[in-house]
Protein backbone atom coordinates (compact mmCIF):
# COMPACT_ATOMS: atom_id res chain seq x y z
CA MET A 1 -18.33 -12.55 -52.94
CA GLU A 2 -21.83 -12.78 -54.30
CA CYS A 3 -23.16 -9.69 -56.02
CA LEU A 4 -26.37 -8.45 -55.12
CA LYS A 5 -29.51 -8.38 -57.46
CA ALA A 6 -31.40 -5.31 -58.12
CA SER A 7 -34.24 -6.73 -56.27
CA GLN A 8 -32.17 -7.61 -53.31
CA VAL A 9 -30.29 -4.32 -53.09
CA SER A 10 -33.63 -2.57 -53.39
CA TRP A 11 -35.06 -4.62 -50.17
CA VAL A 12 -31.72 -3.60 -48.39
CA GLY A 13 -31.73 -0.44 -49.15
CA ARG A 14 -35.55 0.16 -48.02
CA ARG A 15 -35.04 -2.05 -44.84
CA LEU A 16 -31.57 -1.30 -43.87
CA GLY A 17 -32.46 -1.58 -40.04
CA VAL A 18 -33.83 -5.22 -40.70
CA VAL A 19 -29.71 -6.10 -41.23
CA LEU A 20 -28.73 -3.77 -38.77
CA TRP A 21 -30.78 -4.75 -35.79
CA PRO A 22 -29.44 -8.43 -35.40
CA PRO A 23 -25.88 -7.61 -35.03
CA PHE A 24 -26.23 -4.67 -32.74
CA LEU A 25 -28.80 -6.68 -30.51
CA GLY A 26 -26.48 -9.25 -30.48
CA LEU A 27 -23.58 -7.17 -29.05
CA VAL A 28 -26.08 -5.12 -26.85
CA ILE A 29 -27.44 -7.93 -24.79
CA PRO A 30 -24.58 -9.58 -23.36
CA PHE A 31 -23.21 -6.07 -22.93
CA THR A 32 -26.38 -5.20 -20.80
CA SER A 33 -26.74 -8.52 -19.15
CA TYR A 34 -23.37 -7.84 -17.83
CA GLY A 35 -24.08 -4.24 -16.83
CA THR A 36 -27.35 -5.03 -14.90
CA ASP A 37 -25.65 -8.04 -13.22
CA ARG A 38 -23.26 -5.60 -11.76
CA LEU A 39 -25.95 -2.80 -11.30
CA TYR A 40 -23.97 -0.47 -13.27
CA PRO A 41 -25.89 2.54 -14.11
CA LEU A 42 -27.18 2.05 -17.78
CA MET A 43 -27.95 5.71 -18.27
CA SER A 44 -24.45 6.75 -17.82
CA PHE A 45 -22.96 8.67 -20.47
CA GLU A 46 -20.16 6.07 -20.97
CA VAL A 47 -22.77 3.09 -21.23
CA TRP A 48 -24.23 5.22 -24.16
CA LEU A 49 -20.77 5.90 -25.85
CA ILE A 50 -20.00 2.07 -25.78
CA LEU A 51 -23.57 1.43 -27.18
CA ALA A 52 -23.09 3.95 -29.96
CA GLY A 53 -19.72 2.12 -30.74
CA MET A 54 -21.56 -1.18 -31.14
CA PHE A 55 -24.12 0.35 -33.42
CA LEU A 56 -21.26 1.91 -35.60
CA VAL A 57 -20.00 -1.81 -35.79
CA SER A 58 -23.23 -2.91 -36.56
CA PHE A 59 -23.74 -0.28 -39.12
CA VAL A 60 -20.62 -1.49 -41.13
CA MET A 61 -21.84 -4.91 -41.03
CA ALA A 62 -25.05 -3.84 -42.44
CA SER A 63 -23.62 -1.82 -45.24
CA ILE A 64 -21.56 -5.10 -46.23
CA ARG A 65 -24.67 -6.64 -46.86
CA LEU A 66 -25.24 -4.21 -49.94
CA SER A 67 -22.15 -6.04 -51.60
CA SER A 68 -21.92 -9.55 -50.07
CA ARG A 69 -24.56 -11.66 -48.47
CA LEU A 70 -22.20 -14.38 -47.66
CA ALA A 71 -19.88 -12.11 -45.37
CA TYR A 72 -22.84 -10.36 -43.86
CA ALA A 73 -24.30 -13.99 -43.09
CA VAL A 74 -21.00 -14.97 -41.49
CA MET A 75 -20.64 -11.84 -39.33
CA VAL A 76 -24.09 -11.72 -38.02
CA ALA A 77 -23.85 -15.45 -37.29
CA ALA A 78 -20.67 -14.94 -35.33
CA VAL A 79 -22.09 -11.85 -33.26
CA LEU A 80 -25.25 -14.07 -32.32
CA THR A 81 -23.03 -16.98 -31.63
CA PHE A 82 -21.13 -14.86 -29.38
CA ALA A 83 -24.00 -13.68 -27.11
CA VAL A 84 -25.10 -17.18 -27.01
CA ASP A 85 -21.72 -18.17 -25.77
CA TYR A 86 -21.23 -15.21 -23.47
CA LEU A 87 -24.74 -15.90 -21.63
CA ALA A 88 -24.68 -19.80 -21.66
CA ALA A 89 -21.11 -20.63 -22.02
CA PRO A 90 -22.10 -24.40 -24.03
CA ASN A 91 -19.32 -26.29 -24.92
CA LYS A 92 -17.26 -25.77 -28.30
CA PHE A 93 -19.35 -28.35 -30.30
CA ILE A 94 -22.56 -26.65 -29.29
CA VAL A 95 -20.90 -22.81 -30.24
CA LEU A 96 -20.04 -24.40 -33.90
CA SER A 97 -23.33 -25.88 -34.37
CA VAL A 98 -25.07 -22.86 -33.60
CA PHE A 99 -22.84 -20.92 -35.74
CA GLY A 100 -23.12 -23.29 -38.71
CA THR A 101 -27.08 -23.26 -38.21
CA MET A 102 -27.22 -19.60 -38.07
CA VAL A 103 -25.20 -18.86 -41.32
CA ALA A 104 -27.24 -21.50 -42.95
CA LEU A 105 -30.60 -19.83 -41.68
CA ILE A 106 -29.31 -16.36 -42.71
CA TRP A 107 -28.24 -17.72 -46.30
CA ARG A 108 -31.55 -19.54 -46.66
CA ILE A 109 -34.47 -17.57 -45.18
CA GLU A 110 -32.82 -14.35 -44.69
CA GLN A 111 -35.67 -11.94 -44.27
CA THR A 112 -37.86 -13.91 -42.01
CA PHE A 113 -34.88 -15.06 -39.86
CA LEU A 114 -33.66 -11.64 -39.13
CA LEU A 115 -37.21 -10.24 -38.27
CA VAL A 116 -37.79 -13.04 -36.17
CA VAL A 117 -34.56 -12.75 -34.31
CA SER A 118 -34.96 -8.98 -34.09
CA ALA A 119 -38.23 -9.50 -32.38
CA PHE A 120 -36.94 -12.14 -29.94
CA LEU A 121 -33.84 -9.95 -29.29
CA CYS A 122 -35.72 -6.56 -28.51
CA VAL A 123 -38.03 -8.41 -25.98
CA PHE A 124 -34.98 -10.34 -24.33
CA VAL A 125 -33.20 -6.78 -24.08
CA ALA A 126 -36.59 -5.04 -22.74
CA THR A 127 -36.78 -7.89 -20.17
CA THR A 128 -33.32 -7.67 -18.80
CA VAL A 129 -33.67 -3.87 -18.13
CA VAL A 130 -36.99 -4.18 -16.72
CA ARG A 131 -35.68 -6.96 -14.55
CA ALA A 132 -32.81 -4.73 -13.65
CA ALA A 133 -35.13 -1.67 -12.76
CA LEU A 134 -37.28 -3.51 -10.58
CA ARG A 135 -34.73 -5.32 -8.70
CA GLU A 136 -34.66 -4.68 -5.03
CA GLU A 137 -31.65 -3.13 -3.18
CA PRO A 138 -30.89 -5.01 0.10
CA GLY A 139 -32.66 -3.36 2.85
CA ILE A 140 -33.20 -3.02 6.55
CA HIS A 141 -34.68 -6.17 7.98
CA VAL A 142 -36.67 -5.62 11.39
CA SER A 143 -37.24 -8.04 13.96
CA THR A 144 -40.78 -8.23 15.43
CA GLU A 145 -39.49 -10.21 18.38
CA HIS A 146 -37.26 -7.78 19.80
CA SER A 147 -39.37 -4.58 20.02
CA ALA A 148 -38.50 -3.66 23.85
CA ILE A 149 -37.39 0.05 24.80
CA PRO A 150 -33.66 -0.27 24.95
CA ALA A 151 -32.10 -0.04 28.49
CA ALA A 152 -30.89 3.44 29.14
CA SER A 153 -28.72 2.32 31.79
CA LEU A 154 -26.22 0.61 29.25
CA PRO A 155 -24.01 2.75 27.27
CA ARG A 156 -24.35 2.83 23.53
CA LEU A 157 -21.91 0.71 22.04
CA ILE A 158 -20.60 0.99 18.64
CA HIS A 159 -18.19 -1.92 16.98
CA LEU A 160 -16.27 -1.12 13.53
CA VAL A 161 -14.47 -3.77 11.95
CA LEU A 162 -12.25 -2.11 9.31
CA ASP A 163 -11.52 -5.02 7.13
CA GLU A 164 -7.80 -5.17 5.95
CA HIS A 165 -6.94 -2.47 8.32
CA LEU A 166 -2.98 -2.80 9.05
CA GLY A 167 -1.74 -2.48 12.62
CA ILE A 168 0.29 0.43 13.86
CA GLU A 169 3.19 -1.55 14.28
CA GLY A 170 2.86 -3.14 11.28
CA ILE A 171 2.96 -0.10 9.05
CA PRO A 172 6.52 0.05 7.03
CA THR A 173 8.63 3.01 8.49
CA ASP A 174 10.99 3.15 5.23
CA THR A 175 9.06 5.90 3.48
CA ASP A 176 8.03 9.66 4.83
CA HIS A 177 4.58 8.68 3.91
CA ALA A 178 4.18 5.64 6.06
CA ARG A 179 6.31 7.35 8.88
CA GLU A 180 3.84 10.63 8.97
CA LEU A 181 0.88 8.30 8.75
CA LYS A 182 1.83 6.21 11.71
CA HIS A 183 2.52 9.39 13.78
CA LYS A 184 -0.95 10.57 12.51
CA LEU A 185 -2.87 7.52 13.80
CA LYS A 186 -1.49 7.33 17.01
CA GLN A 187 -2.21 11.22 17.35
CA PHE A 188 -5.71 10.36 16.10
CA TYR A 189 -6.50 7.67 18.81
CA GLN A 190 -5.02 9.65 21.74
CA ARG A 191 -6.94 12.88 20.81
CA TYR A 192 -10.10 10.86 21.01
CA GLY A 193 -8.98 8.96 24.23
CA PHE A 194 -8.58 5.36 22.78
CA GLU A 195 -6.69 2.71 24.24
CA LEU A 196 -4.50 1.60 21.08
CA TYR A 197 -2.93 -1.58 20.54
CA GLY A 198 -0.17 -1.00 18.25
CA GLY A 199 1.00 -4.76 18.29
CA ALA A 200 -2.33 -6.44 17.79
CA TYR A 201 -2.69 -9.45 15.27
CA SER A 202 -5.02 -11.49 13.99
CA ARG A 203 -4.49 -15.42 14.07
CA TYR A 204 -6.28 -15.69 10.58
CA THR A 205 -5.43 -14.35 7.20
CA GLU A 206 -8.86 -14.60 5.57
CA SER A 207 -12.03 -12.61 6.99
CA VAL A 208 -14.29 -15.81 6.68
CA ASN A 209 -12.11 -17.27 9.61
CA ALA A 210 -11.03 -14.04 11.51
CA ILE A 211 -14.55 -12.44 11.82
CA PRO A 212 -16.59 -15.54 12.68
CA ASN A 213 -14.30 -16.81 15.26
CA LEU A 214 -13.80 -13.38 16.87
CA VAL A 215 -17.38 -13.14 17.33
CA ASN A 216 -17.91 -16.72 18.62
CA PHE A 217 -14.68 -16.11 21.11
CA SER A 218 -13.19 -19.13 19.63
CA GLN A 219 -9.86 -19.83 17.96
CA GLU A 220 -10.97 -23.01 15.76
CA SER A 221 -8.33 -24.40 13.39
CA VAL A 222 -10.81 -25.72 11.07
CA ASP A 223 -11.21 -23.40 7.94
CA ARG A 224 -14.63 -21.64 7.54
CA ALA A 225 -16.09 -23.44 10.56
CA PHE A 226 -18.71 -20.96 11.61
CA VAL A 227 -19.88 -20.07 7.99
CA SER A 228 -21.72 -22.00 5.46
CA GLY A 229 -21.64 -20.86 1.44
CA ASP A 230 -19.10 -20.09 -0.86
CA GLN A 231 -18.01 -17.68 -3.92
CA SER A 232 -17.46 -14.91 -1.59
CA PHE A 233 -21.38 -15.01 -0.38
CA TYR A 234 -21.01 -16.65 3.02
CA ARG A 235 -23.69 -16.80 6.01
CA LEU A 236 -22.71 -16.57 9.41
CA LEU A 237 -24.31 -19.56 10.98
CA GLU A 238 -23.64 -18.80 14.90
CA ASN A 239 -22.81 -15.57 16.97
CA ARG A 240 -22.09 -15.78 20.71
CA TYR A 241 -21.00 -12.00 20.81
CA PHE A 242 -24.54 -10.99 19.62
CA LYS A 243 -26.24 -13.58 22.08
CA PHE A 244 -23.91 -12.22 25.14
CA LEU A 245 -24.75 -8.64 24.66
CA HIS A 246 -28.55 -9.65 23.84
CA GLU A 247 -28.47 -11.21 27.36
CA GLN A 248 -27.06 -7.84 28.90
CA GLY A 249 -30.12 -6.12 27.61
CA TYR A 250 -28.77 -4.68 24.32
CA GLN A 251 -30.81 -4.10 21.18
CA LEU A 252 -28.79 -5.14 18.14
CA HIS A 253 -28.41 -2.99 15.08
CA VAL A 254 -25.97 -4.42 12.05
CA VAL A 255 -24.97 -3.16 9.19
CA GLY A 256 -22.82 -5.76 7.19
CA THR A 257 -21.81 -6.78 3.76
CA ASP A 258 -23.61 -9.90 1.67
CA TYR A 259 -19.75 -11.23 1.47
CA LEU A 260 -20.45 -12.37 5.07
CA ASP A 261 -24.25 -12.02 5.88
CA PHE A 262 -24.76 -11.39 9.87
CA CYS A 263 -28.77 -11.07 9.21
CA SER A 264 -29.51 -14.71 8.83
CA ILE A 265 -28.80 -15.87 12.45
CA GLN A 266 -31.57 -17.29 13.99
CA ASP A 267 -30.96 -17.70 17.62
CA THR A 268 -30.50 -14.03 18.53
CA PRO A 269 -33.05 -11.33 17.42
CA LEU A 270 -31.70 -8.17 15.58
CA LYS A 271 -33.62 -4.85 15.93
CA SER A 272 -32.22 -4.20 12.32
CA CYS A 273 -29.67 -5.68 10.01
CA THR A 274 -28.77 -4.20 6.74
CA ASN A 275 -26.50 -5.89 4.20
CA TYR A 276 -24.82 -3.71 1.54
CA SER A 277 -23.25 -5.31 -1.78
CA TRP A 278 -19.43 -5.81 -1.70
CA TYR A 279 -19.69 -6.90 -5.70
CA THR A 280 -21.89 -4.59 -7.61
CA LEU A 281 -20.43 -1.74 -9.74
CA GLU A 282 -23.15 0.88 -9.01
CA ASN A 283 -21.11 3.14 -6.86
CA VAL A 284 -18.17 2.64 -9.22
CA GLY A 285 -20.23 4.28 -11.87
CA ARG A 286 -20.78 7.36 -9.82
CA LEU A 287 -17.05 8.04 -9.12
CA ASN A 288 -15.97 11.47 -10.00
CA VAL A 289 -13.26 10.30 -12.70
CA SER A 290 -13.51 10.94 -16.32
CA VAL A 291 -16.07 9.29 -18.69
CA LEU A 292 -12.97 7.98 -20.81
CA SER A 293 -11.78 5.94 -17.73
CA LYS A 294 -14.83 4.55 -16.99
CA THR A 295 -15.65 3.64 -20.39
CA SER A 296 -12.24 1.67 -20.79
CA MET A 297 -12.89 0.32 -17.41
CA LEU A 298 -16.40 -0.94 -18.19
CA LEU A 299 -15.57 -2.20 -21.67
CA ALA A 300 -12.58 -3.93 -20.36
CA LEU A 301 -14.49 -5.60 -17.91
CA PHE A 302 -17.28 -6.83 -20.05
CA VAL A 303 -14.66 -8.35 -22.55
CA ALA A 304 -12.48 -10.09 -19.89
CA LYS A 305 -15.38 -11.48 -18.41
CA TYR A 306 -15.91 -13.75 -21.42
CA ASP A 307 -14.93 -17.19 -20.97
CA ARG A 308 -13.70 -18.19 -24.21
CA TYR A 309 -11.36 -15.14 -24.11
CA GLN A 310 -10.05 -16.31 -21.19
CA ARG A 311 -9.27 -19.59 -22.62
CA VAL A 312 -7.62 -17.95 -25.69
CA LEU A 313 -5.27 -15.98 -23.05
CA ASN A 314 -4.53 -19.57 -21.70
CA LEU A 315 -3.44 -20.97 -24.97
CA TYR A 316 -1.50 -18.10 -25.67
CA GLU A 317 0.43 -18.24 -22.57
CA GLY A 318 0.41 -21.98 -22.29
CA SER A 319 1.33 -22.87 -25.98
CA MET A 320 1.40 -20.22 -28.55
CA ARG A 321 4.03 -17.87 -26.63
CA PRO A 322 6.61 -20.50 -25.89
CA LEU A 323 6.35 -21.91 -29.15
CA LEU A 324 7.20 -18.36 -30.73
CA LEU A 325 9.87 -17.93 -28.17
CA SER A 326 11.59 -21.23 -29.09
CA TYR A 327 11.60 -19.76 -32.69
CA GLY A 328 13.38 -16.48 -31.33
CA LEU A 329 10.22 -14.50 -31.64
CA PRO A 330 10.01 -12.32 -28.32
CA MET A 331 5.98 -11.81 -27.28
CA PRO A 332 4.53 -9.98 -24.57
CA VAL A 333 3.52 -11.54 -21.42
CA VAL A 334 -0.14 -11.19 -20.23
CA ASN A 335 -0.05 -8.49 -17.80
CA PRO A 336 -2.19 -10.09 -14.70
CA GLU A 337 -2.94 -6.72 -13.19
CA SER A 338 -4.70 -5.39 -16.22
CA LEU A 339 -8.64 -5.28 -16.50
CA TRP A 340 -8.35 -6.32 -19.86
CA THR A 341 -6.92 -9.61 -19.04
CA ARG A 342 -6.75 -11.31 -15.53
CA ARG A 343 -7.78 -8.84 -13.00
CA LYS A 344 -11.09 -9.31 -11.71
CA LEU A 345 -12.55 -5.99 -10.22
CA GLN A 346 -13.86 -6.19 -6.73
CA ALA A 347 -15.62 -2.84 -5.93
CA SER A 348 -15.36 -3.49 -2.16
CA SER A 349 -13.87 -0.04 -1.10
CA VAL A 350 -15.85 1.87 -3.30
CA ASN A 351 -19.24 0.26 -2.14
CA ALA A 352 -17.99 0.30 1.53
CA MET A 353 -17.25 3.95 1.21
CA ARG A 354 -20.66 4.59 0.43
CA ALA A 355 -21.84 2.43 2.92
CA MET A 356 -19.58 4.36 5.55
CA ASP A 357 -21.98 7.52 5.19
CA ALA A 358 -24.84 5.31 6.16
CA VAL A 359 -23.16 3.94 9.06
CA SER A 360 -22.40 7.40 10.29
CA LYS A 361 -25.94 8.27 10.29
CA ARG A 362 -27.02 5.21 12.17
CA ILE A 363 -24.45 5.99 14.75
CA LEU A 364 -25.64 9.43 15.24
CA GLN A 365 -29.49 8.09 15.83
CA LEU A 366 -28.13 5.47 18.13
CA PRO A 367 -29.89 5.79 21.75
CA ARG A 368 -28.23 4.27 24.88
CA GLY A 369 -28.72 0.75 25.38
CA SER A 370 -28.26 -0.04 21.63
CA MET A 371 -25.26 -1.41 19.87
CA LEU A 372 -24.26 -1.11 16.41
CA PHE A 373 -21.97 -3.48 14.58
CA ALA A 374 -20.62 -2.58 11.23
CA HIS A 375 -18.30 -4.65 8.97
CA LEU A 376 -16.77 -2.34 6.27
CA LEU A 377 -14.67 -3.46 3.48
CA LEU A 378 -12.12 -0.50 4.17
CA PRO A 379 -9.36 0.05 3.65
CA HIS A 380 -9.74 -2.96 1.88
CA PHE A 381 -8.54 -3.04 -1.89
CA PRO A 382 -9.01 -2.08 -4.75
CA TYR A 383 -7.19 1.19 -3.21
CA VAL A 384 -9.19 3.82 -5.17
CA PHE A 385 -9.39 6.98 -2.96
CA ARG A 386 -6.25 9.13 -2.30
CA GLU A 387 -5.29 10.80 0.94
CA ASP A 388 -8.08 13.76 0.39
CA CYS A 389 -10.79 11.11 -0.54
CA SER A 390 -10.78 12.03 -4.18
CA PRO A 391 -10.68 8.88 -6.41
CA ARG A 392 -8.33 7.95 -8.68
CA SER A 393 -9.30 5.96 -12.16
CA ILE A 394 -10.01 2.13 -11.48
CA LEU A 395 -7.50 1.49 -14.19
CA GLU A 396 -4.46 3.18 -12.21
CA SER A 397 -5.71 1.39 -8.89
CA LEU A 398 -4.24 -1.64 -7.30
CA ASP A 399 -5.55 -4.58 -5.59
CA TYR A 400 -4.00 -6.80 -2.74
CA MET A 401 -0.70 -8.59 -3.40
CA ARG A 402 -2.26 -12.00 -3.53
CA SER A 403 -3.97 -11.43 -6.66
CA THR A 404 -0.74 -11.10 -8.43
CA PRO A 405 1.15 -14.31 -9.44
CA GLN A 406 4.22 -15.12 -7.50
CA GLU A 407 6.72 -14.47 -10.42
CA PHE A 408 5.10 -10.94 -10.50
CA ARG A 409 5.50 -10.15 -6.87
CA THR A 410 8.51 -7.71 -6.23
CA SER A 411 9.54 -5.29 -3.66
CA GLU A 412 8.90 -2.13 -5.89
CA GLY A 413 5.52 -3.57 -6.59
CA ARG A 414 4.91 -3.79 -2.80
CA GLY A 415 6.25 -0.48 -2.27
CA LEU A 416 3.79 0.88 -5.04
CA ARG A 417 0.81 -0.75 -3.34
CA TYR A 418 1.69 0.29 0.31
CA ASP A 419 1.58 3.90 -1.13
CA GLN A 420 -2.04 3.53 -2.75
CA TYR A 421 -2.94 1.48 0.48
CA LEU A 422 -1.81 4.13 3.09
CA SER A 423 -3.57 6.68 0.90
CA GLN A 424 -6.82 5.08 1.31
CA VAL A 425 -6.01 4.37 5.02
CA GLU A 426 -5.56 8.28 5.46
CA CYS A 427 -9.19 9.12 3.65
CA LEU A 428 -10.91 6.60 5.87
CA TYR A 429 -9.67 8.73 8.79
CA ILE A 430 -11.20 11.66 7.42
CA LYS A 431 -14.63 9.84 7.63
CA LEU A 432 -13.89 8.94 11.26
CA ASP A 433 -12.74 12.28 12.04
CA ASP A 434 -15.98 13.36 10.85
CA LEU A 435 -17.96 10.93 12.76
CA PHE A 436 -16.42 11.41 15.97
CA ARG A 437 -16.52 15.47 15.63
CA ARG A 438 -20.40 14.93 15.01
CA MET A 439 -20.87 12.68 17.75
CA GLN A 440 -19.04 15.11 20.24
CA SER A 441 -21.26 17.97 18.84
CA ASP A 442 -24.44 15.78 19.31
CA GLY A 443 -23.29 14.94 23.20
CA ILE A 444 -22.99 11.06 22.52
CA PHE A 445 -19.54 10.55 22.08
CA SER A 446 -18.31 10.69 25.65
CA ASP A 447 -20.95 8.06 27.16
CA SER A 448 -20.05 5.52 24.28
CA ILE A 449 -18.08 2.48 24.33
CA ILE A 450 -16.23 2.39 20.97
CA ILE A 451 -14.67 -0.60 19.27
CA ILE A 452 -12.51 -0.12 16.20
CA HIS A 453 -10.18 -2.99 14.95
CA GLY A 454 -9.46 -4.93 11.69
CA ASP A 455 -9.51 -8.52 10.95
CA HIS A 456 -6.19 -9.23 9.19
CA GLY A 457 -3.17 -7.20 7.81
CA ALA A 458 -3.03 -5.57 4.49
CA ARG A 459 -1.82 -8.73 2.80
CA LEU A 460 0.93 -7.02 0.46
CA GLY A 461 3.79 -9.45 1.53
CA LEU A 462 5.90 -11.06 -1.12
CA ARG A 463 4.48 -14.51 -0.03
CA PHE A 464 0.92 -15.36 1.69
CA PRO A 465 1.31 -17.20 5.14
CA GLU A 466 0.15 -20.71 3.89
CA VAL A 467 1.50 -24.20 4.59
CA ASP A 468 3.01 -24.58 1.10
CA ASN A 469 5.13 -21.39 1.58
CA GLN A 470 6.31 -22.11 5.50
CA GLY A 471 9.77 -22.62 4.64
CA LYS A 472 9.87 -19.33 2.33
CA LEU A 473 7.72 -16.79 4.66
CA THR A 474 9.78 -13.77 6.21
CA GLU A 475 8.86 -11.67 8.88
CA ALA A 476 7.45 -8.88 6.83
CA ASP A 477 5.17 -11.64 5.19
CA TYR A 478 3.48 -12.34 8.57
CA VAL A 479 3.39 -8.65 9.57
CA ASP A 480 1.82 -7.69 6.23
CA ALA A 481 -0.51 -10.50 6.68
CA LEU A 482 -1.61 -10.54 10.44
CA SER A 483 -0.67 -7.35 11.94
CA THR A 484 -3.87 -5.23 12.55
CA LEU A 485 -5.62 -2.46 14.25
CA TYR A 486 -7.29 -2.58 17.73
CA ALA A 487 -8.54 0.40 19.52
CA VAL A 488 -11.09 0.97 22.01
CA ARG A 489 -12.64 3.57 24.02
CA ILE A 490 -14.23 3.11 27.33
CA PRO A 491 -16.01 5.97 28.96
CA GLY A 492 -14.28 7.11 31.98
CA LYS A 493 -10.89 5.37 30.83
CA PRO A 494 -7.70 7.41 29.88
CA GLY A 495 -6.40 6.65 26.30
CA SER A 496 -3.27 4.69 26.24
CA TYR A 497 -0.75 2.97 23.92
CA ASP A 498 0.42 -0.58 24.14
CA PRO A 499 2.75 -1.82 21.59
CA SER A 500 3.09 -5.37 22.51
CA LEU A 501 1.53 -8.22 20.73
CA HIS A 502 -2.23 -9.18 21.59
CA ALA A 503 -4.59 -11.42 19.49
CA ILE A 504 -7.93 -9.17 18.64
CA ASP A 505 -10.02 -12.03 20.02
CA ASP A 506 -8.30 -12.09 23.41
CA LEU A 507 -8.53 -8.20 23.36
CA LEU A 508 -12.19 -8.32 22.49
CA ILE A 509 -13.08 -10.64 25.61
CA ASP A 510 -10.97 -8.13 27.79
CA THR A 511 -12.53 -5.09 26.19
CA LEU A 512 -16.02 -6.61 27.01
CA GLY A 513 -15.14 -7.37 30.66
CA ALA A 514 -13.56 -4.08 31.58
CA SER A 515 -16.46 -2.01 29.82
CA LEU A 516 -19.50 -4.10 30.72
CA GLY A 517 -17.98 -5.59 34.11
CA ARG A 518 -18.76 -9.12 32.68
CA ALA A 519 -16.63 -10.95 30.14
CA PRO A 520 -17.68 -14.20 28.03
CA ALA A 521 -15.99 -17.33 28.46
CA ASN A 522 -12.26 -17.26 27.33
CA PRO A 523 -10.52 -20.24 25.48
CA ILE A 524 -7.59 -21.17 27.27
CA PRO A 525 -4.85 -19.33 25.02
CA TRP A 526 -1.35 -20.82 23.88
CA ARG A 527 1.30 -19.56 26.21
CA LYS A 528 3.30 -17.77 23.37
CA PRO A 529 1.52 -16.01 20.46
CA PHE A 530 0.34 -18.03 17.53
CA ILE A 531 -1.40 -17.63 14.29
CA TYR A 532 -2.81 -20.08 11.63
CA LEU A 533 -1.02 -20.64 8.03
CA ASN A 534 -3.67 -20.92 5.61
CA ALA A 535 -3.86 -24.52 4.09
CA GLY A 536 -5.36 -23.69 0.90
CA ARG A 537 -7.97 -26.37 -0.07
CA ARG A 538 -7.46 -28.32 3.09
CA LYS A 539 -9.73 -27.97 6.20
CA GLU A 540 -7.44 -28.24 8.76
CA GLN A 541 -5.07 -24.98 9.16
CA MET A 542 -1.47 -25.06 10.74
CA PRO A 543 -1.00 -23.10 14.13
CA VAL A 544 2.43 -21.80 14.11
CA GLU A 545 4.33 -19.34 16.59
CA LEU A 546 4.47 -16.10 15.39
CA PRO A 547 7.86 -14.92 14.34
CA TRP A 548 7.52 -11.12 15.23
CA GLN A 549 8.18 -8.65 17.96
CA PRO A 550 6.85 -5.17 17.72
CA SER A 551 9.10 -3.25 19.54
CA TYR A 552 11.41 -3.44 16.51
CA PRO A 553 10.20 -1.96 12.95
CA PRO A 554 9.14 -4.31 10.48
CA PRO A 555 11.24 -4.71 7.56
CA SER A 556 11.07 -2.30 4.81
CA THR A 557 10.76 -2.93 1.02
CA ALA A 558 14.31 -2.89 0.52
CA ASP A 559 14.85 -5.55 3.31
CA VAL A 560 12.36 -7.63 2.07
CA GLN A 561 14.16 -7.57 -1.89
CA ARG A 562 17.57 -8.65 0.07
CA ARG A 563 16.26 -11.50 1.67
């Protein structure tokens, strides 16, 4: 290593900040860019803890500068190259070129280079933070075309789509928790006078097919027939259900998610339409869990987002680990369910629970002659909320089974997921019970039509209902993926329970006919219950008969393992 001359030591000693700020800002920029992109609260304590850690690492680098200019140049160039790679993800030759160029510049024109880089990075950080602060949240879009007073002769209509809600007869009954919850849900809907269809099912395993086909009174086999867009930000192209209600005289209010945008439809005027975000981490940062848990989570997400880090994991799994195993060296398997490796956190349920409170307020203000349609990603994964609605650590929460590679799926894992999933279902019903009690207190419950249903099942089966899996699918796989909730309350009609098979799109058409006196046109259904097997990347899905009779209990986790 090259020792510093007295003049150089003097320069570094007087300007320690000059050699400290470039590595610090090089670490901070990709971190703040990730945090602002996901809308994580930057003023939170866990963010400051991570920044303090980055400052400490930078201080160590600056201290090394006192003894070795070359070592400092290599480390700072590596940090700055990491920032460029994290934000822009260039190819490896560009990355190596950037690294080599920065080492040379720090070595040749250190003072000038560091000052210029520090100034540039400070402006970049400030711009990122200010842009995040000025970013507009999704708001209410008010239609100017539909300003008529709602028809007071029409009952208010409340339609809640509870994403990933398993059907009553689809709940596994091999644990006390599951049996008790099934009984509680039946009692809940009976207490409030609902017609509950325990054997309701969806024909589709994905929301982007189930909901668009439902609101278009359709049974399309073409994948994503009524949506545009991709990467989990889809736009609904047509909505015959909303058009039908508008023709009846209803004013339409919508609360949805930017996963499936209802607000962009042109042919039916909406009185108001709000999209909440399913993707951002703002509400995760507000969870009442330990700072250490949130710090670990945020740091893990930041690291796992790095594309080149994921390539290293691929290299380890694909080449290094098999090579070491061939020499008799057992190496750990990369855990696909860890936030530090493969798991991508989707804050769906956390954001939806916050949106649920806003939906309840809107319902309590809804006049007769108005319809409120809400799509809530509840009790959708991740399973964060316990049965009393207290949150568990994101690091401890689980996602649906499809996010787990096939070789890691076991009946024990299915049972563990079901335990967390059913706890989150219980939390959801605390919210619904509170809403219905407040509606009763305000005198708006008894004269309201209320439709509540899911869009598919919990999707916790060991195999997903896909064409490629057709020969290996069990009854439990179908039930886990496609059994879903359907409950309706029509003023003047007594509550009831029907355990037999009914497709939710058929039930919606029947509900509209019974409650409004007029039903939309119904496509000719198959004589036997059928569903579509997901076709992967192929456009055409495969229709098959649903091999389940809900008069029999769904298979337990032990039954699944034996098969």
